[in-house]
N, C-alpha and C. Protein backbone atom coordinates (compact mmCIF):
# COMPACT_ATOMS: atom_id res chain seq x y z
N MET A 1 -17.90 8.07 -7.91
CA MET A 1 -16.61 7.95 -8.55
C MET A 1 -16.80 7.45 -9.97
N ASP A 2 -15.94 7.88 -10.87
CA ASP A 2 -15.96 7.44 -12.26
C ASP A 2 -15.18 6.15 -12.37
N HIS A 3 -15.93 5.06 -12.54
CA HIS A 3 -15.29 3.76 -12.67
C HIS A 3 -15.50 3.21 -14.06
N SER A 4 -15.43 4.08 -15.06
CA SER A 4 -15.62 3.65 -16.43
C SER A 4 -14.55 2.63 -16.79
N MET A 5 -14.99 1.62 -17.52
CA MET A 5 -14.05 0.55 -17.86
C MET A 5 -14.08 0.33 -19.37
N HIS A 6 -12.93 0.01 -19.93
CA HIS A 6 -12.81 -0.37 -21.33
C HIS A 6 -11.84 -1.53 -21.39
N ASP A 7 -12.31 -2.64 -21.95
CA ASP A 7 -11.44 -3.79 -22.10
C ASP A 7 -10.88 -4.26 -20.75
N GLY A 8 -11.72 -4.12 -19.67
CA GLY A 8 -11.30 -4.56 -18.35
C GLY A 8 -10.39 -3.59 -17.63
N ARG A 9 -10.13 -2.46 -18.23
CA ARG A 9 -9.25 -1.46 -17.61
C ARG A 9 -10.01 -0.17 -17.41
N PRO A 10 -9.74 0.55 -16.31
CA PRO A 10 -10.43 1.81 -16.07
C PRO A 10 -10.04 2.86 -17.10
N THR A 11 -10.99 3.73 -17.43
CA THR A 11 -10.75 4.80 -18.40
C THR A 11 -11.14 6.14 -17.83
N GLY A 12 -10.91 7.19 -18.58
CA GLY A 12 -11.27 8.54 -18.15
C GLY A 12 -10.49 8.94 -16.91
N THR A 13 -11.20 9.53 -15.95
CA THR A 13 -10.55 9.96 -14.71
C THR A 13 -10.45 8.81 -13.71
N ALA A 14 -11.09 7.69 -14.02
CA ALA A 14 -11.10 6.56 -13.08
C ALA A 14 -9.70 6.09 -12.68
N PRO A 15 -8.73 5.95 -13.60
CA PRO A 15 -7.41 5.47 -13.15
C PRO A 15 -6.74 6.40 -12.13
N THR A 16 -6.87 7.70 -12.33
CA THR A 16 -6.26 8.64 -11.39
C THR A 16 -6.97 8.59 -10.05
N ARG A 17 -8.29 8.56 -10.07
CA ARG A 17 -9.04 8.46 -8.81
C ARG A 17 -8.73 7.16 -8.10
N MET A 18 -8.68 6.08 -8.85
CA MET A 18 -8.34 4.79 -8.25
C MET A 18 -6.93 4.81 -7.68
N ALA A 19 -6.01 5.47 -8.38
CA ALA A 19 -4.62 5.54 -7.90
C ALA A 19 -4.52 6.32 -6.60
N VAL A 20 -5.23 7.43 -6.51
CA VAL A 20 -5.23 8.21 -5.26
C VAL A 20 -5.83 7.39 -4.14
N SER A 21 -6.97 6.74 -4.42
CA SER A 21 -7.62 5.90 -3.41
C SER A 21 -6.72 4.74 -2.99
N ALA A 22 -6.12 4.07 -3.97
CA ALA A 22 -5.23 2.94 -3.67
C ALA A 22 -4.03 3.39 -2.86
N THR A 23 -3.48 4.56 -3.20
CA THR A 23 -2.31 5.05 -2.48
C THR A 23 -2.67 5.47 -1.06
N LEU A 24 -3.84 6.08 -0.88
CA LEU A 24 -4.29 6.41 0.48
C LEU A 24 -4.50 5.15 1.29
N HIS A 25 -5.06 4.14 0.66
CA HIS A 25 -5.28 2.85 1.30
C HIS A 25 -3.93 2.24 1.72
N CYS A 26 -3.00 2.26 0.79
CA CYS A 26 -1.66 1.72 1.05
C CYS A 26 -0.97 2.54 2.14
N LEU A 27 -1.10 3.86 2.04
CA LEU A 27 -0.46 4.75 3.01
C LEU A 27 -0.96 4.48 4.42
N THR A 28 -2.24 4.17 4.56
CA THR A 28 -2.79 3.91 5.88
C THR A 28 -2.10 2.71 6.52
N GLY A 29 -2.06 1.60 5.81
CA GLY A 29 -1.39 0.42 6.35
C GLY A 29 0.10 0.64 6.56
N CYS A 30 0.73 1.27 5.56
CA CYS A 30 2.17 1.53 5.66
C CYS A 30 2.47 2.47 6.82
N ALA A 31 1.66 3.50 6.98
CA ALA A 31 1.91 4.48 8.04
C ALA A 31 1.80 3.84 9.42
N ILE A 32 0.80 2.99 9.60
CA ILE A 32 0.66 2.32 10.89
C ILE A 32 1.90 1.47 11.17
N GLY A 33 2.29 0.66 10.20
CA GLY A 33 3.47 -0.18 10.38
C GLY A 33 4.75 0.63 10.52
N GLU A 34 4.88 1.65 9.69
CA GLU A 34 6.08 2.49 9.72
C GLU A 34 6.21 3.22 11.06
N VAL A 35 5.13 3.85 11.50
CA VAL A 35 5.17 4.58 12.77
C VAL A 35 5.44 3.62 13.92
N LEU A 36 4.74 2.50 13.93
CA LEU A 36 4.95 1.52 14.99
C LEU A 36 6.40 1.03 15.01
N GLY A 37 6.94 0.71 13.84
CA GLY A 37 8.33 0.26 13.75
C GLY A 37 9.32 1.32 14.19
N MET A 38 9.10 2.56 13.74
CA MET A 38 10.00 3.66 14.13
C MET A 38 9.93 3.91 15.63
N VAL A 39 8.71 3.87 16.18
CA VAL A 39 8.54 4.10 17.62
C VAL A 39 9.22 2.99 18.42
N ILE A 40 8.98 1.75 18.04
CA ILE A 40 9.59 0.62 18.78
C ILE A 40 11.12 0.67 18.67
N GLY A 41 11.62 0.83 17.44
CA GLY A 41 13.07 0.87 17.25
C GLY A 41 13.73 2.03 17.97
N THR A 42 13.09 3.19 17.92
CA THR A 42 13.64 4.38 18.60
C THR A 42 13.58 4.20 20.11
N ALA A 43 12.46 3.71 20.61
CA ALA A 43 12.30 3.52 22.06
C ALA A 43 13.30 2.51 22.62
N LEU A 44 13.63 1.50 21.81
CA LEU A 44 14.58 0.48 22.26
C LEU A 44 16.03 0.84 21.98
N GLY A 45 16.24 2.00 21.33
CA GLY A 45 17.60 2.44 21.04
C GLY A 45 18.29 1.64 19.96
N TRP A 46 17.49 1.04 19.08
CA TRP A 46 18.05 0.24 18.00
C TRP A 46 18.79 1.10 16.98
N SER A 47 19.63 0.47 16.19
CA SER A 47 20.34 1.16 15.11
C SER A 47 19.33 1.55 14.02
N ASP A 48 19.78 2.44 13.13
CA ASP A 48 18.92 2.85 12.01
C ASP A 48 18.49 1.64 11.19
N VAL A 49 19.43 0.75 10.91
CA VAL A 49 19.12 -0.42 10.08
C VAL A 49 18.09 -1.31 10.76
N GLN A 50 18.27 -1.60 12.04
CA GLN A 50 17.31 -2.44 12.76
C GLN A 50 15.93 -1.79 12.79
N THR A 51 15.90 -0.50 13.04
CA THR A 51 14.63 0.22 13.11
C THR A 51 13.92 0.21 11.76
N ILE A 52 14.68 0.44 10.71
CA ILE A 52 14.08 0.46 9.36
C ILE A 52 13.59 -0.92 8.96
N VAL A 53 14.35 -1.95 9.26
CA VAL A 53 13.91 -3.32 8.93
C VAL A 53 12.58 -3.62 9.64
N LEU A 54 12.48 -3.29 10.91
CA LEU A 54 11.24 -3.51 11.64
C LEU A 54 10.11 -2.68 11.04
N ALA A 55 10.37 -1.40 10.77
CA ALA A 55 9.33 -0.52 10.21
C ALA A 55 8.83 -1.02 8.86
N VAL A 56 9.74 -1.47 8.02
CA VAL A 56 9.36 -1.98 6.69
C VAL A 56 8.56 -3.27 6.83
N ALA A 57 9.02 -4.17 7.68
CA ALA A 57 8.29 -5.43 7.88
C ALA A 57 6.87 -5.16 8.37
N LEU A 58 6.73 -4.26 9.33
CA LEU A 58 5.40 -3.94 9.84
C LEU A 58 4.55 -3.19 8.80
N ALA A 59 5.20 -2.36 7.99
CA ALA A 59 4.46 -1.66 6.93
C ALA A 59 3.87 -2.66 5.94
N PHE A 60 4.65 -3.65 5.54
CA PHE A 60 4.13 -4.68 4.63
C PHE A 60 3.02 -5.48 5.31
N LEU A 61 3.23 -5.86 6.57
CA LEU A 61 2.23 -6.64 7.30
C LEU A 61 0.89 -5.89 7.36
N PHE A 62 0.93 -4.64 7.80
CA PHE A 62 -0.30 -3.86 7.92
C PHE A 62 -0.86 -3.51 6.54
N GLY A 63 0.00 -3.20 5.59
CA GLY A 63 -0.46 -2.88 4.24
C GLY A 63 -1.23 -4.05 3.62
N TYR A 64 -0.67 -5.24 3.70
CA TYR A 64 -1.35 -6.42 3.17
C TYR A 64 -2.63 -6.72 3.96
N ALA A 65 -2.57 -6.58 5.28
CA ALA A 65 -3.74 -6.86 6.12
C ALA A 65 -4.91 -5.95 5.75
N PHE A 66 -4.60 -4.69 5.41
CA PHE A 66 -5.66 -3.74 5.05
C PHE A 66 -6.30 -4.09 3.71
N THR A 67 -5.66 -4.92 2.92
CA THR A 67 -6.26 -5.40 1.67
C THR A 67 -6.94 -6.75 1.88
N ILE A 68 -6.30 -7.63 2.61
CA ILE A 68 -6.83 -8.98 2.81
C ILE A 68 -8.19 -8.93 3.51
N GLY A 69 -8.33 -8.10 4.52
CA GLY A 69 -9.60 -8.03 5.27
C GLY A 69 -10.80 -7.74 4.37
N PRO A 70 -10.80 -6.64 3.63
CA PRO A 70 -11.95 -6.35 2.75
C PRO A 70 -12.15 -7.40 1.66
N VAL A 71 -11.06 -7.96 1.13
CA VAL A 71 -11.19 -8.98 0.10
C VAL A 71 -11.87 -10.22 0.69
N MET A 72 -11.51 -10.58 1.90
CA MET A 72 -12.16 -11.74 2.54
C MET A 72 -13.63 -11.44 2.83
N ARG A 73 -13.93 -10.21 3.22
CA ARG A 73 -15.33 -9.85 3.46
C ARG A 73 -16.16 -9.91 2.18
N SER A 74 -15.51 -9.82 1.03
CA SER A 74 -16.24 -9.93 -0.24
C SER A 74 -16.57 -11.37 -0.58
N GLY A 75 -15.99 -12.32 0.16
CA GLY A 75 -16.33 -13.71 -0.05
C GLY A 75 -15.16 -14.64 -0.33
N LEU A 76 -13.97 -14.10 -0.53
CA LEU A 76 -12.82 -14.97 -0.77
C LEU A 76 -12.27 -15.52 0.54
N ALA A 77 -11.79 -16.74 0.49
CA ALA A 77 -11.12 -17.34 1.63
C ALA A 77 -9.72 -16.73 1.76
N LEU A 78 -9.12 -16.87 2.94
CA LEU A 78 -7.78 -16.33 3.18
C LEU A 78 -6.79 -16.82 2.13
N ARG A 79 -6.85 -18.09 1.80
CA ARG A 79 -5.90 -18.67 0.84
C ARG A 79 -6.00 -17.98 -0.53
N ALA A 80 -7.19 -17.56 -0.92
CA ALA A 80 -7.37 -16.86 -2.20
C ALA A 80 -7.14 -15.36 -2.05
N ALA A 81 -7.36 -14.81 -0.86
CA ALA A 81 -7.20 -13.37 -0.64
C ALA A 81 -5.72 -12.96 -0.59
N ILE A 82 -4.87 -13.83 -0.11
CA ILE A 82 -3.44 -13.49 0.01
C ILE A 82 -2.82 -13.15 -1.35
N PRO A 83 -3.00 -13.98 -2.39
CA PRO A 83 -2.42 -13.61 -3.69
C PRO A 83 -3.02 -12.32 -4.27
N VAL A 84 -4.28 -12.05 -3.96
CA VAL A 84 -4.90 -10.80 -4.42
C VAL A 84 -4.18 -9.62 -3.77
N ALA A 85 -3.96 -9.71 -2.46
CA ALA A 85 -3.27 -8.63 -1.75
C ALA A 85 -1.83 -8.47 -2.24
N LEU A 86 -1.14 -9.58 -2.47
CA LEU A 86 0.23 -9.50 -2.97
C LEU A 86 0.27 -8.82 -4.33
N ALA A 87 -0.67 -9.19 -5.21
CA ALA A 87 -0.73 -8.58 -6.55
C ALA A 87 -1.09 -7.11 -6.47
N ALA A 88 -1.96 -6.77 -5.54
CA ALA A 88 -2.45 -5.40 -5.45
C ALA A 88 -1.44 -4.44 -4.82
N ASP A 89 -0.72 -4.90 -3.82
CA ASP A 89 0.01 -3.97 -2.96
C ASP A 89 1.53 -4.04 -2.99
N THR A 90 2.11 -5.08 -3.50
CA THR A 90 3.56 -5.25 -3.36
C THR A 90 4.35 -4.09 -3.96
N VAL A 91 4.05 -3.71 -5.19
CA VAL A 91 4.81 -2.61 -5.81
C VAL A 91 4.56 -1.31 -5.08
N SER A 92 3.30 -1.04 -4.75
CA SER A 92 2.95 0.20 -4.06
C SER A 92 3.65 0.31 -2.71
N ILE A 93 3.58 -0.73 -1.91
CA ILE A 93 4.23 -0.70 -0.60
C ILE A 93 5.74 -0.58 -0.75
N THR A 94 6.31 -1.29 -1.70
CA THR A 94 7.75 -1.23 -1.91
C THR A 94 8.20 0.19 -2.24
N VAL A 95 7.53 0.83 -3.18
CA VAL A 95 7.88 2.21 -3.55
C VAL A 95 7.71 3.13 -2.35
N MET A 96 6.58 2.98 -1.66
CA MET A 96 6.32 3.84 -0.51
C MET A 96 7.39 3.67 0.56
N GLU A 97 7.80 2.46 0.82
CA GLU A 97 8.79 2.21 1.86
C GLU A 97 10.19 2.71 1.47
N ILE A 98 10.55 2.53 0.23
CA ILE A 98 11.85 3.03 -0.23
C ILE A 98 11.91 4.55 -0.07
N VAL A 99 10.87 5.22 -0.54
CA VAL A 99 10.85 6.69 -0.48
C VAL A 99 10.78 7.16 0.97
N ASP A 100 9.87 6.59 1.73
CA ASP A 100 9.67 7.01 3.12
C ASP A 100 10.96 6.87 3.93
N ASN A 101 11.60 5.72 3.84
CA ASN A 101 12.82 5.51 4.63
C ASN A 101 14.00 6.31 4.11
N ALA A 102 14.06 6.52 2.80
CA ALA A 102 15.13 7.37 2.26
C ALA A 102 15.00 8.79 2.79
N VAL A 103 13.77 9.29 2.83
CA VAL A 103 13.55 10.65 3.35
C VAL A 103 13.94 10.70 4.83
N MET A 104 13.54 9.70 5.59
CA MET A 104 13.90 9.69 7.02
C MET A 104 15.42 9.70 7.20
N LEU A 105 16.13 8.96 6.35
CA LEU A 105 17.59 8.93 6.45
C LEU A 105 18.22 10.24 5.98
N LEU A 106 17.57 10.94 5.05
CA LEU A 106 18.12 12.17 4.51
C LEU A 106 17.87 13.40 5.38
N VAL A 107 16.85 13.35 6.23
CA VAL A 107 16.58 14.49 7.12
C VAL A 107 17.60 14.42 8.26
N PRO A 108 18.48 15.39 8.33
CA PRO A 108 19.53 15.36 9.35
C PRO A 108 18.97 15.23 10.77
N GLY A 109 19.43 14.21 11.48
CA GLY A 109 19.06 14.00 12.87
C GLY A 109 17.72 13.31 13.09
N ALA A 110 16.95 13.06 12.05
CA ALA A 110 15.61 12.49 12.23
C ALA A 110 15.65 11.11 12.86
N MET A 111 16.56 10.26 12.41
CA MET A 111 16.62 8.90 12.94
C MET A 111 17.18 8.86 14.37
N ASP A 112 17.90 9.89 14.75
CA ASP A 112 18.48 9.94 16.10
C ASP A 112 17.63 10.72 17.08
N ALA A 113 16.61 11.39 16.57
CA ALA A 113 15.74 12.20 17.44
C ALA A 113 14.90 11.27 18.30
N GLY A 114 14.61 11.69 19.49
CA GLY A 114 13.78 10.90 20.40
C GLY A 114 12.31 11.00 20.05
N LEU A 115 11.52 10.14 20.68
CA LEU A 115 10.08 10.13 20.43
C LEU A 115 9.39 11.40 20.89
N ASP A 116 10.04 12.15 21.77
CA ASP A 116 9.47 13.41 22.24
C ASP A 116 9.92 14.60 21.39
N SER A 117 10.61 14.32 20.31
CA SER A 117 11.16 15.37 19.46
C SER A 117 10.22 15.73 18.30
N PRO A 118 9.94 17.01 18.13
CA PRO A 118 9.17 17.42 16.95
C PRO A 118 9.90 17.07 15.64
N LEU A 119 11.23 17.00 15.68
CA LEU A 119 12.00 16.64 14.49
C LEU A 119 11.63 15.22 14.04
N PHE A 120 11.56 14.28 14.98
CA PHE A 120 11.22 12.90 14.65
C PHE A 120 9.84 12.84 13.99
N TRP A 121 8.84 13.41 14.64
CA TRP A 121 7.47 13.33 14.14
C TRP A 121 7.28 14.15 12.87
N GLY A 122 7.92 15.30 12.81
CA GLY A 122 7.82 16.13 11.59
C GLY A 122 8.46 15.45 10.40
N ALA A 123 9.64 14.86 10.62
CA ALA A 123 10.33 14.15 9.53
C ALA A 123 9.52 12.94 9.08
N LEU A 124 8.93 12.22 10.02
CA LEU A 124 8.13 11.04 9.68
C LEU A 124 6.89 11.44 8.89
N ALA A 125 6.22 12.50 9.31
CA ALA A 125 5.04 12.98 8.57
C ALA A 125 5.44 13.44 7.17
N PHE A 126 6.54 14.17 7.08
CA PHE A 126 7.03 14.64 5.78
C PHE A 126 7.40 13.46 4.88
N ALA A 127 8.08 12.47 5.46
CA ALA A 127 8.48 11.29 4.69
C ALA A 127 7.27 10.55 4.13
N LEU A 128 6.24 10.39 4.93
CA LEU A 128 5.02 9.71 4.47
C LEU A 128 4.32 10.53 3.38
N ALA A 129 4.32 11.85 3.52
CA ALA A 129 3.70 12.71 2.50
C ALA A 129 4.46 12.62 1.18
N VAL A 130 5.77 12.64 1.23
CA VAL A 130 6.58 12.51 0.01
C VAL A 130 6.34 11.13 -0.62
N ALA A 131 6.29 10.10 0.21
CA ALA A 131 6.05 8.75 -0.30
C ALA A 131 4.69 8.67 -1.00
N PHE A 132 3.69 9.33 -0.46
CA PHE A 132 2.37 9.35 -1.09
C PHE A 132 2.44 10.00 -2.47
N VAL A 133 3.07 11.16 -2.55
CA VAL A 133 3.17 11.90 -3.81
C VAL A 133 3.91 11.09 -4.87
N VAL A 134 4.95 10.40 -4.48
CA VAL A 134 5.73 9.59 -5.43
C VAL A 134 4.96 8.33 -5.84
N THR A 135 4.19 7.76 -4.94
CA THR A 135 3.52 6.49 -5.21
C THR A 135 2.25 6.62 -6.04
N VAL A 136 1.56 7.76 -5.97
CA VAL A 136 0.33 7.92 -6.77
C VAL A 136 0.58 7.65 -8.25
N PRO A 137 1.57 8.27 -8.90
CA PRO A 137 1.76 7.97 -10.32
C PRO A 137 2.16 6.52 -10.60
N VAL A 138 2.85 5.89 -9.66
CA VAL A 138 3.19 4.48 -9.83
C VAL A 138 1.91 3.65 -9.85
N ASN A 139 1.02 3.92 -8.88
CA ASN A 139 -0.25 3.19 -8.85
C ASN A 139 -1.11 3.52 -10.06
N ARG A 140 -1.06 4.74 -10.52
CA ARG A 140 -1.83 5.14 -11.73
C ARG A 140 -1.34 4.34 -12.93
N TRP A 141 -0.04 4.20 -13.06
CA TRP A 141 0.55 3.45 -14.16
C TRP A 141 0.13 1.97 -14.08
N LEU A 142 0.20 1.38 -12.87
CA LEU A 142 -0.19 -0.01 -12.69
C LEU A 142 -1.68 -0.23 -13.01
N ILE A 143 -2.52 0.63 -12.48
CA ILE A 143 -3.97 0.52 -12.69
C ILE A 143 -4.30 0.64 -14.17
N GLY A 144 -3.63 1.55 -14.87
CA GLY A 144 -3.86 1.73 -16.30
C GLY A 144 -3.52 0.49 -17.11
N ARG A 145 -2.72 -0.40 -16.52
CA ARG A 145 -2.33 -1.63 -17.19
C ARG A 145 -3.04 -2.85 -16.63
N GLY A 146 -4.07 -2.60 -15.78
CA GLY A 146 -4.84 -3.70 -15.21
C GLY A 146 -4.13 -4.42 -14.09
N LYS A 147 -3.12 -3.78 -13.50
CA LYS A 147 -2.34 -4.40 -12.42
C LYS A 147 -2.53 -3.62 -11.13
N GLY A 148 -1.79 -4.00 -10.10
CA GLY A 148 -1.87 -3.30 -8.82
C GLY A 148 -3.29 -3.35 -8.27
N HIS A 149 -3.78 -2.22 -7.85
CA HIS A 149 -5.10 -2.18 -7.22
C HIS A 149 -6.23 -2.42 -8.21
N ALA A 150 -5.97 -2.42 -9.50
CA ALA A 150 -7.01 -2.80 -10.46
C ALA A 150 -7.42 -4.25 -10.23
N VAL A 151 -6.49 -5.08 -9.77
CA VAL A 151 -6.77 -6.49 -9.50
C VAL A 151 -7.73 -6.63 -8.33
N VAL A 152 -7.57 -5.79 -7.31
CA VAL A 152 -8.36 -5.91 -6.09
C VAL A 152 -9.61 -5.04 -6.12
N HIS A 153 -9.69 -4.12 -7.05
CA HIS A 153 -10.76 -3.13 -7.07
C HIS A 153 -12.15 -3.76 -7.02
N GLN A 154 -12.34 -4.84 -7.71
CA GLN A 154 -13.66 -5.46 -7.75
C GLN A 154 -14.10 -6.02 -6.40
N TYR A 155 -13.16 -6.20 -5.48
CA TYR A 155 -13.50 -6.76 -4.17
C TYR A 155 -13.84 -5.68 -3.15
N HIS A 156 -13.46 -4.44 -3.40
CA HIS A 156 -13.67 -3.36 -2.44
C HIS A 156 -15.03 -2.73 -2.60
N GLY A 157 -15.57 -2.31 -1.51
CA GLY A 157 -16.75 -1.47 -1.51
C GLY A 157 -18.06 -2.19 -1.77
N GLY A 158 -18.05 -3.49 -1.90
CA GLY A 158 -19.30 -4.20 -2.11
C GLY A 158 -19.99 -3.76 -3.38
N GLY A 159 -21.00 -4.48 -3.78
CA GLY A 159 -21.78 -4.11 -4.94
C GLY A 159 -21.05 -4.30 -6.25
N HIS A 160 -19.90 -4.93 -6.23
CA HIS A 160 -19.13 -5.13 -7.46
C HIS A 160 -19.26 -6.57 -7.94
N GLY A 161 -20.39 -7.18 -7.64
CA GLY A 161 -20.59 -8.56 -8.08
C GLY A 161 -20.53 -9.50 -6.90
N SER A 162 -21.13 -10.65 -7.07
CA SER A 162 -21.15 -11.64 -6.00
C SER A 162 -19.81 -12.35 -5.92
N PRO A 163 -19.54 -13.00 -4.79
CA PRO A 163 -18.28 -13.75 -4.69
C PRO A 163 -18.14 -14.80 -5.78
N GLU A 164 -19.27 -15.36 -6.25
CA GLU A 164 -19.19 -16.37 -7.31
C GLU A 164 -18.62 -15.79 -8.60
N GLN A 165 -18.77 -14.47 -8.79
CA GLN A 165 -18.27 -13.83 -10.01
C GLN A 165 -16.80 -13.46 -9.90
N HIS A 166 -16.24 -13.54 -8.72
CA HIS A 166 -14.86 -13.14 -8.51
C HIS A 166 -13.93 -14.26 -8.95
N PRO A 167 -12.77 -13.90 -9.48
CA PRO A 167 -11.82 -14.93 -9.89
C PRO A 167 -11.21 -15.62 -8.69
N THR A 168 -10.76 -16.81 -8.89
CA THR A 168 -10.01 -17.50 -7.85
C THR A 168 -8.57 -17.04 -7.90
N ALA A 169 -7.78 -17.43 -6.93
CA ALA A 169 -6.37 -17.05 -6.93
C ALA A 169 -5.69 -17.55 -8.19
N GLY A 170 -6.05 -18.75 -8.65
CA GLY A 170 -5.46 -19.28 -9.88
C GLY A 170 -5.81 -18.42 -11.09
N ASP A 171 -7.06 -17.92 -11.13
CA ASP A 171 -7.47 -17.05 -12.23
C ASP A 171 -6.64 -15.78 -12.27
N LEU A 172 -6.31 -15.24 -11.08
CA LEU A 172 -5.55 -14.00 -11.01
C LEU A 172 -4.17 -14.17 -11.62
N HIS A 173 -3.57 -15.32 -11.37
CA HIS A 173 -2.22 -15.54 -11.90
C HIS A 173 -2.25 -15.81 -13.39
N GLY A 174 -3.38 -16.27 -13.91
CA GLY A 174 -3.47 -16.60 -15.31
C GLY A 174 -3.92 -15.46 -16.19
N ARG A 175 -4.27 -14.33 -15.59
CA ARG A 175 -4.74 -13.19 -16.37
C ARG A 175 -3.65 -12.63 -17.25
N ASP A 176 -4.06 -12.13 -18.40
CA ASP A 176 -3.12 -11.48 -19.31
C ASP A 176 -3.18 -9.98 -19.07
N HIS A 177 -2.15 -9.41 -18.43
CA HIS A 177 -2.10 -7.98 -18.15
C HIS A 177 -1.06 -7.36 -19.06
N HIS A 178 -1.51 -6.71 -20.09
CA HIS A 178 -0.56 -6.06 -21.03
C HIS A 178 0.02 -4.84 -20.41
């Protein structure tokens, strides 16, 4: 991958590649939470609002967990990893969840379809795909400004420096991101 950096920010094709990777990463956590929430809410016969609230809460939980785990494996303690995950994923997950749930609400009958309905699963897959397409440019914009997944990038994939070289949670909040 092209991880060229200039002034602490990725350059060349790196921001777009990082944005696609970050969005796929976010989509994985969001999809698990979203599907689980939709399945639980639908199975229990909950209202659309109750189901969406559960799906969104679980999407954030799984989305953050998918960032916290690798960041902790890089050497940060949980207390320092949480602010990294919040900085990396909050905007991405928020955009993804707004788009995903809006699509689910806009597809006629999708929220009322049962778990055995192709409409339910097709609408959910379509909603997640649309959310991915909308979120990639958002993540690209954030990464280009040294925000979003640019904050967490150094912790992923190993080989990006020792834990001693990584900023503390306090350092992350003090960074100047133009």
